[in-house]
């Protein structure tokens, strides 16, 4: 990452419509922000389209960034919001409602501390692959809460659901993630 003065020069160039500055800014954050999009959208082509749309918003809103916080964090928030908007527009169910047919857990299906430690030690690519297998609704809540560190209240407002539904979907996402990792990734040593 370039120092703050270099970043200010690049942003000022973007504000003046300088294509080279825009390209530089895009390339600086492309990889990280594509990874963010991929956490919400499993299809790579769609994730790239969302990333492009997100960067258009970044360029449109550059004038409001005041360099008082993290520029990368500011860009990430715009990209996350763009991904969530894309999920809504695609009319994918952003959240599964509680139904009797939803994944049920019994008292023996709780994550234990040792299992949580094992989950955190997984290679990032394997963990992201498993998260990508969650339904769009569970994946959105999981990413917003665990990775982006939004509160359940903020998630509820963003997705138009109740806080209870957000908490329920997070719990179900964790259980489904455990099942995915157990069922599909039990041979991690073979990778």
N, C-alpha and C. Protein backbone atom coordinates (compact mmCIF):
# COMPACT_ATOMS: atom_id res chain seq x y z
N UNK A 1 0.84 -1.18 0.00
CA UNK A 1 0.00 0.00 0.00
C UNK A 1 0.88 1.24 0.00
N UNK A 2 0.51 2.20 -0.79
CA UNK A 2 1.27 3.43 -0.88
C UNK A 2 1.04 4.28 0.36
N UNK A 3 1.96 5.22 0.60
CA UNK A 3 1.77 6.09 1.77
C UNK A 3 0.60 7.04 1.53
N UNK A 4 0.18 7.74 2.57
CA UNK A 4 -1.02 8.57 2.53
C UNK A 4 -0.92 9.70 1.51
N UNK A 5 0.27 10.26 1.34
CA UNK A 5 0.43 11.35 0.36
C UNK A 5 0.27 10.83 -1.06
N UNK A 6 0.82 9.64 -1.34
CA UNK A 6 0.64 9.04 -2.66
C UNK A 6 -0.83 8.74 -2.91
N UNK A 7 -1.51 8.23 -1.89
CA UNK A 7 -2.93 7.93 -2.02
C UNK A 7 -3.73 9.20 -2.28
N UNK A 8 -3.39 10.28 -1.58
CA UNK A 8 -4.08 11.56 -1.80
C UNK A 8 -3.86 12.04 -3.23
N UNK A 9 -2.64 11.87 -3.75
CA UNK A 9 -2.36 12.27 -5.14
C UNK A 9 -3.20 11.46 -6.12
N UNK A 10 -3.32 10.16 -5.87
CA UNK A 10 -4.10 9.29 -6.74
C UNK A 10 -5.57 9.68 -6.68
N UNK A 11 -6.10 9.90 -5.47
CA UNK A 11 -7.50 10.28 -5.31
C UNK A 11 -7.76 11.62 -5.98
N UNK A 12 -6.86 12.59 -5.80
CA UNK A 12 -7.03 13.90 -6.45
C UNK A 12 -7.01 13.76 -7.97
N UNK A 13 -6.16 12.88 -8.48
CA UNK A 13 -6.14 12.62 -9.92
C UNK A 13 -7.46 12.03 -10.39
N UNK A 14 -8.02 11.11 -9.60
CA UNK A 14 -9.32 10.52 -9.93
C UNK A 14 -10.41 11.58 -9.95
N UNK A 15 -10.35 12.48 -8.98
CA UNK A 15 -11.36 13.54 -8.91
C UNK A 15 -11.29 14.47 -10.12
N UNK A 16 -10.10 14.58 -10.71
CA UNK A 16 -9.93 15.42 -11.91
C UNK A 16 -10.23 14.65 -13.19
N UNK A 17 -10.59 13.36 -13.05
CA UNK A 17 -10.94 12.55 -14.21
C UNK A 17 -9.75 11.93 -14.90
N UNK A 18 -8.60 11.88 -14.23
CA UNK A 18 -7.39 11.31 -14.82
C UNK A 18 -7.52 9.78 -14.87
N UNK A 19 -7.55 9.23 -16.07
CA UNK A 19 -7.74 7.78 -16.27
C UNK A 19 -6.61 6.96 -15.66
N UNK A 20 -5.41 7.46 -15.71
CA UNK A 20 -4.27 6.73 -15.15
C UNK A 20 -4.41 6.58 -13.62
N UNK A 21 -4.86 7.65 -12.97
CA UNK A 21 -5.09 7.60 -11.53
C UNK A 21 -6.21 6.63 -11.20
N UNK A 22 -7.28 6.65 -12.00
CA UNK A 22 -8.39 5.72 -11.79
C UNK A 22 -7.93 4.27 -11.93
N UNK A 23 -7.12 4.03 -12.95
CA UNK A 23 -6.60 2.67 -13.16
C UNK A 23 -5.71 2.25 -11.99
N UNK A 24 -4.88 3.16 -11.52
CA UNK A 24 -3.99 2.86 -10.39
C UNK A 24 -4.79 2.52 -9.14
N UNK A 25 -5.80 3.34 -8.85
CA UNK A 25 -6.64 3.09 -7.68
C UNK A 25 -7.36 1.74 -7.80
N UNK A 26 -7.90 1.46 -8.97
CA UNK A 26 -8.60 0.20 -9.22
C UNK A 26 -7.66 -0.98 -9.00
N UNK A 27 -6.47 -0.92 -9.55
CA UNK A 27 -5.51 -2.02 -9.41
C UNK A 27 -5.03 -2.20 -7.97
N UNK A 28 -4.96 -1.10 -7.22
CA UNK A 28 -4.52 -1.18 -5.82
C UNK A 28 -5.46 -2.04 -4.98
N UNK A 29 -6.75 -1.99 -5.29
CA UNK A 29 -7.74 -2.65 -4.45
C UNK A 29 -8.47 -3.80 -5.12
N UNK A 30 -8.18 -4.06 -6.37
CA UNK A 30 -8.92 -5.08 -7.13
C UNK A 30 -8.93 -6.44 -6.44
N UNK A 31 -7.79 -6.96 -6.09
CA UNK A 31 -7.71 -8.30 -5.51
C UNK A 31 -8.45 -8.44 -4.20
N UNK A 32 -8.22 -7.51 -3.30
CA UNK A 32 -8.89 -7.57 -1.99
C UNK A 32 -10.39 -7.41 -2.13
N UNK A 33 -10.82 -6.50 -2.98
CA UNK A 33 -12.25 -6.24 -3.11
C UNK A 33 -12.96 -7.34 -3.90
N UNK A 34 -12.25 -8.00 -4.82
CA UNK A 34 -12.84 -9.16 -5.49
C UNK A 34 -13.06 -10.28 -4.48
N UNK A 35 -12.14 -10.43 -3.56
CA UNK A 35 -12.30 -11.43 -2.49
C UNK A 35 -13.52 -11.10 -1.64
N UNK A 36 -13.74 -9.82 -1.36
CA UNK A 36 -14.92 -9.40 -0.60
C UNK A 36 -16.19 -9.77 -1.37
N UNK A 37 -16.24 -9.43 -2.65
CA UNK A 37 -17.41 -9.75 -3.47
C UNK A 37 -17.64 -11.26 -3.53
N UNK A 38 -16.58 -12.02 -3.63
CA UNK A 38 -16.68 -13.47 -3.74
C UNK A 38 -17.23 -14.11 -2.47
N UNK A 39 -17.10 -13.44 -1.35
CA UNK A 39 -17.68 -13.96 -0.11
C UNK A 39 -19.19 -13.88 -0.14
N UNK A 40 -19.73 -12.97 -0.93
CA UNK A 40 -21.18 -12.79 -1.00
C UNK A 40 -21.78 -13.45 -2.25
N UNK A 41 -21.01 -13.50 -3.32
CA UNK A 41 -21.53 -13.98 -4.60
C UNK A 41 -20.60 -15.08 -5.11
N UNK A 42 -21.13 -16.29 -5.23
CA UNK A 42 -20.27 -17.43 -5.55
C UNK A 42 -19.86 -17.48 -7.02
N UNK A 43 -20.66 -16.93 -7.92
CA UNK A 43 -20.32 -16.94 -9.35
C UNK A 43 -19.26 -15.86 -9.61
N UNK A 44 -18.10 -16.27 -10.11
CA UNK A 44 -16.98 -15.33 -10.29
C UNK A 44 -17.31 -14.20 -11.25
N UNK A 45 -17.98 -14.50 -12.35
CA UNK A 45 -18.33 -13.46 -13.32
C UNK A 45 -19.25 -12.41 -12.69
N UNK A 46 -20.23 -12.87 -11.94
CA UNK A 46 -21.15 -11.96 -11.27
C UNK A 46 -20.41 -11.15 -10.21
N UNK A 47 -19.51 -11.80 -9.48
CA UNK A 47 -18.71 -11.09 -8.47
C UNK A 47 -17.88 -9.99 -9.14
N UNK A 48 -17.32 -10.27 -10.30
CA UNK A 48 -16.54 -9.24 -11.01
C UNK A 48 -17.43 -8.09 -11.48
N UNK A 49 -18.65 -8.42 -11.91
CA UNK A 49 -19.59 -7.36 -12.31
C UNK A 49 -19.95 -6.48 -11.12
N UNK A 50 -20.19 -7.11 -9.99
CA UNK A 50 -20.51 -6.36 -8.77
C UNK A 50 -19.32 -5.49 -8.38
N UNK A 51 -18.12 -6.02 -8.51
CA UNK A 51 -16.92 -5.25 -8.19
C UNK A 51 -16.83 -4.01 -9.09
N UNK A 52 -17.08 -4.19 -10.39
CA UNK A 52 -17.06 -3.05 -11.32
C UNK A 52 -18.08 -2.00 -10.90
N UNK A 53 -19.30 -2.46 -10.59
CA UNK A 53 -20.35 -1.54 -10.15
C UNK A 53 -19.95 -0.83 -8.86
N UNK A 54 -19.32 -1.57 -7.95
CA UNK A 54 -18.86 -0.99 -6.70
C UNK A 54 -17.80 0.08 -6.93
N UNK A 55 -16.88 -0.17 -7.85
CA UNK A 55 -15.85 0.83 -8.11
C UNK A 55 -16.42 2.07 -8.79
N UNK A 56 -17.46 1.90 -9.57
CA UNK A 56 -18.12 3.08 -10.14
C UNK A 56 -18.66 3.95 -9.00
N UNK A 57 -19.25 3.30 -7.99
CA UNK A 57 -19.74 4.04 -6.82
C UNK A 57 -18.59 4.68 -6.05
N UNK A 58 -17.47 3.97 -5.93
CA UNK A 58 -16.31 4.54 -5.24
C UNK A 58 -15.87 5.81 -5.94
N UNK A 59 -15.75 5.75 -7.28
CA UNK A 59 -15.31 6.93 -8.02
C UNK A 59 -16.33 8.06 -7.91
N UNK A 60 -17.62 7.73 -7.91
CA UNK A 60 -18.66 8.76 -7.79
C UNK A 60 -18.64 9.43 -6.42
N UNK A 61 -18.23 8.70 -5.38
CA UNK A 61 -18.29 9.21 -4.01
C UNK A 61 -16.94 9.65 -3.47
N UNK A 62 -15.90 9.63 -4.30
CA UNK A 62 -14.55 9.98 -3.82
C UNK A 62 -14.50 11.35 -3.16
N UNK A 63 -15.27 12.28 -3.66
CA UNK A 63 -15.20 13.64 -3.13
C UNK A 63 -15.63 13.73 -1.67
N UNK A 64 -16.39 12.73 -1.16
CA UNK A 64 -16.83 12.80 0.23
C UNK A 64 -15.84 12.14 1.19
N UNK A 65 -14.86 11.40 0.67
CA UNK A 65 -13.88 10.79 1.57
C UNK A 65 -12.94 11.87 2.10
N UNK A 66 -12.78 11.92 3.43
CA UNK A 66 -12.03 13.01 4.06
C UNK A 66 -10.65 12.60 4.61
N UNK A 67 -10.22 11.38 4.35
CA UNK A 67 -8.91 10.87 4.80
C UNK A 67 -8.78 10.85 6.32
N UNK A 68 -9.90 10.83 7.03
CA UNK A 68 -9.84 10.75 8.49
C UNK A 68 -9.89 9.30 8.96
N UNK A 69 -10.36 8.41 8.13
CA UNK A 69 -10.41 6.99 8.47
C UNK A 69 -9.63 6.19 7.43
N UNK A 70 -9.80 4.91 7.50
CA UNK A 70 -9.12 4.01 6.56
C UNK A 70 -9.79 4.09 5.19
N UNK A 71 -9.00 4.39 4.17
CA UNK A 71 -9.54 4.44 2.81
C UNK A 71 -9.97 3.05 2.38
N UNK A 72 -9.17 2.04 2.70
CA UNK A 72 -9.52 0.67 2.34
C UNK A 72 -10.83 0.25 3.00
N UNK A 73 -11.02 0.61 4.24
CA UNK A 73 -12.27 0.31 4.94
C UNK A 73 -13.46 1.00 4.30
N UNK A 74 -13.26 2.23 3.87
CA UNK A 74 -14.31 2.99 3.20
C UNK A 74 -14.68 2.31 1.88
N UNK A 75 -13.67 1.92 1.10
CA UNK A 75 -13.92 1.21 -0.16
C UNK A 75 -14.63 -0.11 0.12
N UNK A 76 -14.17 -0.85 1.12
CA UNK A 76 -14.76 -2.15 1.46
C UNK A 76 -16.25 -2.00 1.78
N UNK A 77 -16.61 -0.98 2.54
CA UNK A 77 -18.02 -0.79 2.91
C UNK A 77 -18.86 -0.55 1.66
N UNK A 78 -18.37 0.22 0.72
CA UNK A 78 -19.10 0.47 -0.53
C UNK A 78 -19.25 -0.84 -1.30
N UNK A 79 -18.19 -1.63 -1.37
CA UNK A 79 -18.23 -2.90 -2.11
C UNK A 79 -19.21 -3.87 -1.44
N UNK A 80 -19.18 -3.96 -0.13
CA UNK A 80 -20.10 -4.85 0.60
C UNK A 80 -21.55 -4.43 0.33
N UNK A 81 -21.82 -3.14 0.43
CA UNK A 81 -23.18 -2.65 0.18
C UNK A 81 -23.61 -2.92 -1.26
N UNK A 82 -22.70 -2.81 -2.20
CA UNK A 82 -23.01 -3.10 -3.59
C UNK A 82 -23.32 -4.58 -3.78
N UNK A 83 -22.57 -5.44 -3.10
CA UNK A 83 -22.84 -6.89 -3.18
C UNK A 83 -24.21 -7.22 -2.60
N UNK A 84 -24.55 -6.61 -1.49
CA UNK A 84 -25.86 -6.84 -0.88
C UNK A 84 -26.97 -6.34 -1.81
N UNK A 85 -26.76 -5.18 -2.41
CA UNK A 85 -27.75 -4.66 -3.36
C UNK A 85 -27.92 -5.61 -4.53
N UNK A 86 -26.84 -6.20 -4.98
CA UNK A 86 -26.90 -7.14 -6.10
C UNK A 86 -27.71 -8.37 -5.74
N UNK A 87 -27.53 -8.85 -4.52
CA UNK A 87 -28.30 -10.02 -4.07
C UNK A 87 -29.79 -9.68 -4.08
N UNK A 88 -30.12 -8.51 -3.60
CA UNK A 88 -31.53 -8.08 -3.59
C UNK A 88 -32.07 -7.96 -5.00
N UNK A 89 -31.31 -7.31 -5.90
CA UNK A 89 -31.77 -7.10 -7.27
C UNK A 89 -31.98 -8.41 -8.01
N UNK A 90 -31.14 -9.38 -7.72
CA UNK A 90 -31.24 -10.66 -8.42
C UNK A 90 -32.42 -11.48 -7.91
N UNK A 91 -33.13 -10.92 -6.95
CA UNK A 91 -34.30 -11.57 -6.36
C UNK A 91 -33.96 -12.93 -5.78
N UNK A 92 -32.70 -13.07 -5.40
CA UNK A 92 -32.33 -14.25 -4.63
C UNK A 92 -32.86 -13.99 -3.23
N UNK A 93 -33.27 -15.01 -2.55
CA UNK A 93 -33.76 -14.82 -1.19
C UNK A 93 -32.58 -14.43 -0.32
N UNK A 94 -32.47 -13.13 0.07
CA UNK A 94 -31.33 -12.73 0.88
C UNK A 94 -31.34 -13.36 2.26
N UNK A 95 -32.52 -13.79 2.70
CA UNK A 95 -32.61 -14.39 4.02
C UNK A 95 -33.66 -15.49 3.96
N UNK A 96 -33.33 -16.61 4.54
CA UNK A 96 -34.31 -17.68 4.64
C UNK A 96 -35.13 -17.45 5.89
N UNK A 97 -36.42 -17.58 5.78
CA UNK A 97 -37.30 -17.40 6.94
C UNK A 97 -37.32 -18.70 7.73
N UNK A 98 -37.59 -18.59 9.01
CA UNK A 98 -37.69 -19.77 9.86
C UNK A 98 -38.89 -20.60 9.44
N UNK A 99 -38.66 -21.87 9.16
CA UNK A 99 -39.71 -22.81 8.81
C UNK A 99 -39.39 -24.12 9.49
N UNK A 100 -40.39 -24.95 9.64
CA UNK A 100 -40.17 -26.25 10.25
C UNK A 100 -39.23 -27.10 9.42
N UNK A 101 -39.12 -26.81 8.13
CA UNK A 101 -38.28 -27.62 7.26
C UNK A 101 -36.83 -27.14 7.22
N UNK A 102 -36.55 -26.01 7.88
CA UNK A 102 -35.17 -25.53 7.91
C UNK A 102 -34.29 -26.52 8.65
N UNK A 103 -33.00 -26.40 8.43
CA UNK A 103 -32.02 -27.26 9.09
C UNK A 103 -32.22 -27.22 10.60
N UNK A 104 -32.42 -28.37 11.19
CA UNK A 104 -32.65 -28.46 12.64
C UNK A 104 -31.38 -28.94 13.32
N UNK A 105 -31.20 -28.51 14.54
CA UNK A 105 -30.06 -28.96 15.31
C UNK A 105 -30.55 -29.63 16.59
N UNK A 106 -29.77 -30.56 17.05
CA UNK A 106 -30.10 -31.15 18.34
C UNK A 106 -29.00 -30.75 19.32
N UNK A 107 -29.14 -31.12 20.55
CA UNK A 107 -28.22 -30.65 21.58
C UNK A 107 -26.79 -31.15 21.37
N UNK A 108 -26.60 -32.21 20.59
CA UNK A 108 -25.25 -32.72 20.35
C UNK A 108 -24.58 -32.02 19.18
N UNK A 109 -25.29 -31.09 18.53
CA UNK A 109 -24.78 -30.46 17.31
C UNK A 109 -24.16 -29.09 17.57
N UNK A 110 -23.85 -28.76 18.80
CA UNK A 110 -23.25 -27.47 19.14
C UNK A 110 -21.75 -27.49 18.81
N UNK A 111 -21.23 -26.35 18.38
CA UNK A 111 -19.80 -26.23 18.14
C UNK A 111 -19.08 -26.19 19.49
N UNK A 112 -18.09 -27.02 19.64
CA UNK A 112 -17.29 -27.02 20.86
C UNK A 112 -16.07 -26.14 20.64
N UNK A 113 -15.45 -25.73 21.74
CA UNK A 113 -14.31 -24.82 21.66
C UNK A 113 -13.20 -25.41 20.80
N UNK A 114 -12.93 -26.70 20.93
CA UNK A 114 -11.86 -27.33 20.14
C UNK A 114 -12.21 -27.31 18.65
N UNK A 115 -13.50 -27.46 18.33
CA UNK A 115 -13.92 -27.41 16.93
C UNK A 115 -13.78 -26.00 16.37
N UNK A 116 -14.08 -25.01 17.18
CA UNK A 116 -13.92 -23.62 16.75
C UNK A 116 -12.45 -23.34 16.46
N UNK A 117 -11.56 -23.83 17.31
CA UNK A 117 -10.12 -23.67 17.07
C UNK A 117 -9.72 -24.33 15.76
N UNK A 118 -10.23 -25.52 15.51
CA UNK A 118 -9.91 -26.21 14.25
C UNK A 118 -10.41 -25.41 13.05
N UNK A 119 -11.59 -24.81 13.17
CA UNK A 119 -12.13 -24.01 12.07
C UNK A 119 -11.25 -22.80 11.78
N UNK A 120 -10.76 -22.16 12.84
CA UNK A 120 -9.95 -20.96 12.63
C UNK A 120 -8.57 -21.28 12.05
N UNK A 121 -8.13 -22.53 12.19
CA UNK A 121 -6.82 -22.91 11.67
C UNK A 121 -6.87 -23.37 10.22
N UNK A 122 -8.05 -23.46 9.64
CA UNK A 122 -8.15 -23.88 8.25
C UNK A 122 -7.48 -22.87 7.33
N UNK A 123 -7.00 -23.35 6.22
CA UNK A 123 -6.46 -22.44 5.23
C UNK A 123 -7.57 -21.51 4.76
N UNK A 124 -7.23 -20.27 4.50
CA UNK A 124 -8.23 -19.28 4.12
C UNK A 124 -9.00 -19.70 2.87
N UNK A 125 -8.33 -20.27 1.90
CA UNK A 125 -9.01 -20.65 0.66
C UNK A 125 -10.04 -21.74 0.90
N UNK A 126 -9.75 -22.66 1.80
CA UNK A 126 -10.69 -23.73 2.09
C UNK A 126 -11.89 -23.18 2.86
N UNK A 127 -11.63 -22.29 3.81
CA UNK A 127 -12.72 -21.68 4.57
C UNK A 127 -13.62 -20.86 3.65
N UNK A 128 -13.03 -20.08 2.75
CA UNK A 128 -13.83 -19.29 1.82
C UNK A 128 -14.64 -20.17 0.89
N UNK A 129 -14.06 -21.28 0.48
CA UNK A 129 -14.79 -22.23 -0.38
C UNK A 129 -16.00 -22.78 0.36
N UNK A 130 -15.83 -23.12 1.62
CA UNK A 130 -16.94 -23.64 2.42
C UNK A 130 -18.01 -22.56 2.63
N UNK A 131 -17.59 -21.34 2.93
CA UNK A 131 -18.54 -20.24 3.11
C UNK A 131 -19.31 -20.01 1.82
N UNK A 132 -18.64 -20.15 0.70
CA UNK A 132 -19.29 -19.99 -0.60
C UNK A 132 -20.37 -21.01 -0.87
N UNK A 133 -20.36 -22.12 -0.16
CA UNK A 133 -21.37 -23.16 -0.35
C UNK A 133 -22.63 -22.91 0.47
N UNK A 134 -22.60 -21.92 1.36
CA UNK A 134 -23.80 -21.57 2.13
C UNK A 134 -24.83 -20.95 1.19
N UNK A 135 -26.09 -21.02 1.56
CA UNK A 135 -27.13 -20.35 0.77
C UNK A 135 -26.85 -18.85 0.77
N UNK A 136 -27.33 -18.12 -0.23
CA UNK A 136 -27.05 -16.68 -0.28
C UNK A 136 -27.46 -15.93 0.99
N UNK A 137 -28.59 -16.28 1.57
CA UNK A 137 -29.05 -15.60 2.78
C UNK A 137 -28.15 -15.85 3.97
N UNK A 138 -27.82 -17.11 4.20
CA UNK A 138 -26.94 -17.45 5.31
C UNK A 138 -25.56 -16.86 5.09
N UNK A 139 -25.06 -16.93 3.85
CA UNK A 139 -23.73 -16.40 3.54
C UNK A 139 -23.69 -14.90 3.80
N UNK A 140 -24.75 -14.18 3.41
CA UNK A 140 -24.77 -12.73 3.61
C UNK A 140 -24.71 -12.38 5.10
N UNK A 141 -25.55 -13.03 5.91
CA UNK A 141 -25.56 -12.74 7.35
C UNK A 141 -24.23 -13.14 7.98
N UNK A 142 -23.71 -14.31 7.61
CA UNK A 142 -22.43 -14.78 8.15
C UNK A 142 -21.32 -13.78 7.84
N UNK A 143 -21.21 -13.38 6.58
CA UNK A 143 -20.16 -12.43 6.18
C UNK A 143 -20.31 -11.09 6.89
N UNK A 144 -21.53 -10.58 6.94
CA UNK A 144 -21.73 -9.28 7.56
C UNK A 144 -21.39 -9.31 9.04
N UNK A 145 -21.75 -10.38 9.74
CA UNK A 145 -21.52 -10.45 11.18
C UNK A 145 -20.07 -10.85 11.50
N UNK A 146 -19.60 -11.95 10.92
CA UNK A 146 -18.30 -12.51 11.29
C UNK A 146 -17.14 -11.77 10.64
N UNK A 147 -17.27 -11.48 9.37
CA UNK A 147 -16.13 -10.92 8.64
C UNK A 147 -16.16 -9.39 8.63
N UNK A 148 -17.32 -8.82 8.34
CA UNK A 148 -17.41 -7.35 8.27
C UNK A 148 -17.68 -6.72 9.62
N UNK A 149 -18.04 -7.53 10.63
CA UNK A 149 -18.25 -7.10 12.02
C UNK A 149 -19.40 -6.11 12.20
N UNK A 150 -20.48 -6.30 11.43
CA UNK A 150 -21.69 -5.52 11.66
C UNK A 150 -22.45 -6.15 12.82
N UNK A 151 -23.25 -5.35 13.53
CA UNK A 151 -24.09 -5.88 14.60
C UNK A 151 -25.35 -6.49 13.98
N UNK A 152 -26.07 -7.27 14.77
CA UNK A 152 -27.31 -7.85 14.26
C UNK A 152 -28.33 -6.76 13.93
N UNK A 153 -28.29 -5.68 14.70
CA UNK A 153 -29.20 -4.56 14.42
C UNK A 153 -28.89 -3.95 13.05
N UNK A 154 -27.61 -3.74 12.76
CA UNK A 154 -27.21 -3.17 11.47
C UNK A 154 -27.56 -4.13 10.33
N UNK A 155 -27.32 -5.41 10.54
CA UNK A 155 -27.63 -6.41 9.51
C UNK A 155 -29.13 -6.42 9.24
N UNK A 156 -29.92 -6.38 10.30
CA UNK A 156 -31.37 -6.38 10.16
C UNK A 156 -31.83 -5.19 9.32
N UNK A 157 -31.27 -4.02 9.58
CA UNK A 157 -31.62 -2.82 8.83
C UNK A 157 -31.20 -2.95 7.37
N UNK A 158 -29.99 -3.48 7.13
CA UNK A 158 -29.48 -3.59 5.76
C UNK A 158 -30.31 -4.56 4.93
N UNK A 159 -30.72 -5.68 5.54
CA UNK A 159 -31.41 -6.73 4.80
C UNK A 159 -32.93 -6.66 4.93
N UNK A 160 -33.42 -5.74 5.74
CA UNK A 160 -34.86 -5.61 5.91
C UNK A 160 -35.49 -6.79 6.65
N UNK A 161 -34.81 -7.26 7.69
CA UNK A 161 -35.27 -8.38 8.49
C UNK A 161 -35.24 -7.99 9.96
N UNK A 162 -35.72 -8.87 10.83
CA UNK A 162 -35.64 -8.58 12.26
C UNK A 162 -34.28 -9.00 12.80
N UNK A 163 -33.92 -8.46 13.96
CA UNK A 163 -32.67 -8.87 14.60
C UNK A 163 -32.69 -10.35 14.94
N UNK A 164 -33.85 -10.84 15.36
CA UNK A 164 -33.98 -12.27 15.68
C UNK A 164 -33.72 -13.15 14.47
N UNK A 165 -34.20 -12.73 13.31
CA UNK A 165 -33.96 -13.50 12.09
C UNK A 165 -32.48 -13.47 11.74
N UNK A 166 -31.84 -12.33 11.95
CA UNK A 166 -30.40 -12.23 11.70
C UNK A 166 -29.64 -13.20 12.60
N UNK A 167 -29.99 -13.21 13.89
CA UNK A 167 -29.33 -14.12 14.83
C UNK A 167 -29.59 -15.58 14.47
N UNK A 168 -30.82 -15.88 14.09
CA UNK A 168 -31.19 -17.25 13.71
C UNK A 168 -30.43 -17.69 12.47
N UNK A 169 -30.34 -16.80 11.48
CA UNK A 169 -29.63 -17.15 10.25
C UNK A 169 -28.13 -17.31 10.48
N UNK A 170 -27.57 -16.53 11.40
CA UNK A 170 -26.16 -16.70 11.74
C UNK A 170 -25.94 -18.06 12.38
N UNK A 171 -26.81 -18.42 13.30
CA UNK A 171 -26.69 -19.72 13.97
C UNK A 171 -26.80 -20.86 12.96
N UNK A 172 -27.77 -20.76 12.06
CA UNK A 172 -27.95 -21.79 11.04
C UNK A 172 -26.77 -21.81 10.07
N UNK A 173 -26.24 -20.64 9.76
CA UNK A 173 -25.07 -20.58 8.87
C UNK A 173 -23.89 -21.31 9.51
N UNK A 174 -23.68 -21.09 10.81
CA UNK A 174 -22.58 -21.77 11.51
C UNK A 174 -22.77 -23.27 11.50
N UNK A 175 -24.00 -23.71 11.75
CA UNK A 175 -24.28 -25.15 11.75
C UNK A 175 -24.09 -25.74 10.35
N UNK A 176 -24.59 -25.04 9.34
CA UNK A 176 -24.41 -25.53 7.97
C UNK A 176 -22.94 -25.52 7.57
N UNK A 177 -22.21 -24.52 8.02
CA UNK A 177 -20.78 -24.45 7.73
C UNK A 177 -20.06 -25.63 8.37
N UNK A 178 -20.42 -25.95 9.59
CA UNK A 178 -19.84 -27.11 10.27
C UNK A 178 -20.14 -28.38 9.48
N UNK A 179 -21.39 -28.51 9.03
CA UNK A 179 -21.78 -29.70 8.25
C UNK A 179 -21.01 -29.77 6.93
N UNK A 180 -20.90 -28.65 6.25
CA UNK A 180 -20.16 -28.60 4.98
C UNK A 180 -18.71 -29.01 5.21
N UNK A 181 -18.10 -28.44 6.22
CA UNK A 181 -16.69 -28.74 6.50
C UNK A 181 -16.52 -30.21 6.89
N UNK A 182 -17.45 -30.73 7.65
CA UNK A 182 -17.36 -32.13 8.06
C UNK A 182 -17.58 -33.06 6.87
N UNK A 183 -18.62 -32.80 6.08
CA UNK A 183 -18.99 -33.67 4.97
C UNK A 183 -18.05 -33.56 3.77
N UNK A 184 -17.72 -32.34 3.40
CA UNK A 184 -17.01 -32.15 2.13
C UNK A 184 -15.53 -31.90 2.26
N UNK A 185 -15.08 -31.50 3.43
CA UNK A 185 -13.68 -31.14 3.59
C UNK A 185 -13.00 -31.99 4.66
N UNK A 186 -13.48 -33.21 4.84
CA UNK A 186 -12.89 -34.07 5.89
C UNK A 186 -11.50 -34.56 5.51
N UNK A 187 -11.16 -34.50 4.25
CA UNK A 187 -9.84 -34.95 3.79
C UNK A 187 -8.95 -33.76 3.50
N UNK A 188 -8.83 -32.83 4.43
CA UNK A 188 -8.04 -31.62 4.22
C UNK A 188 -6.56 -31.93 3.98
N UNK A 189 -6.08 -33.01 4.59
CA UNK A 189 -4.67 -33.35 4.42
C UNK A 189 -4.36 -33.78 2.99
N UNK A 190 -5.37 -34.17 2.23
CA UNK A 190 -5.16 -34.61 0.86
C UNK A 190 -5.01 -33.43 -0.09
N UNK A 191 -5.32 -32.23 0.36
CA UNK A 191 -5.27 -31.06 -0.53
C UNK A 191 -3.88 -30.48 -0.60
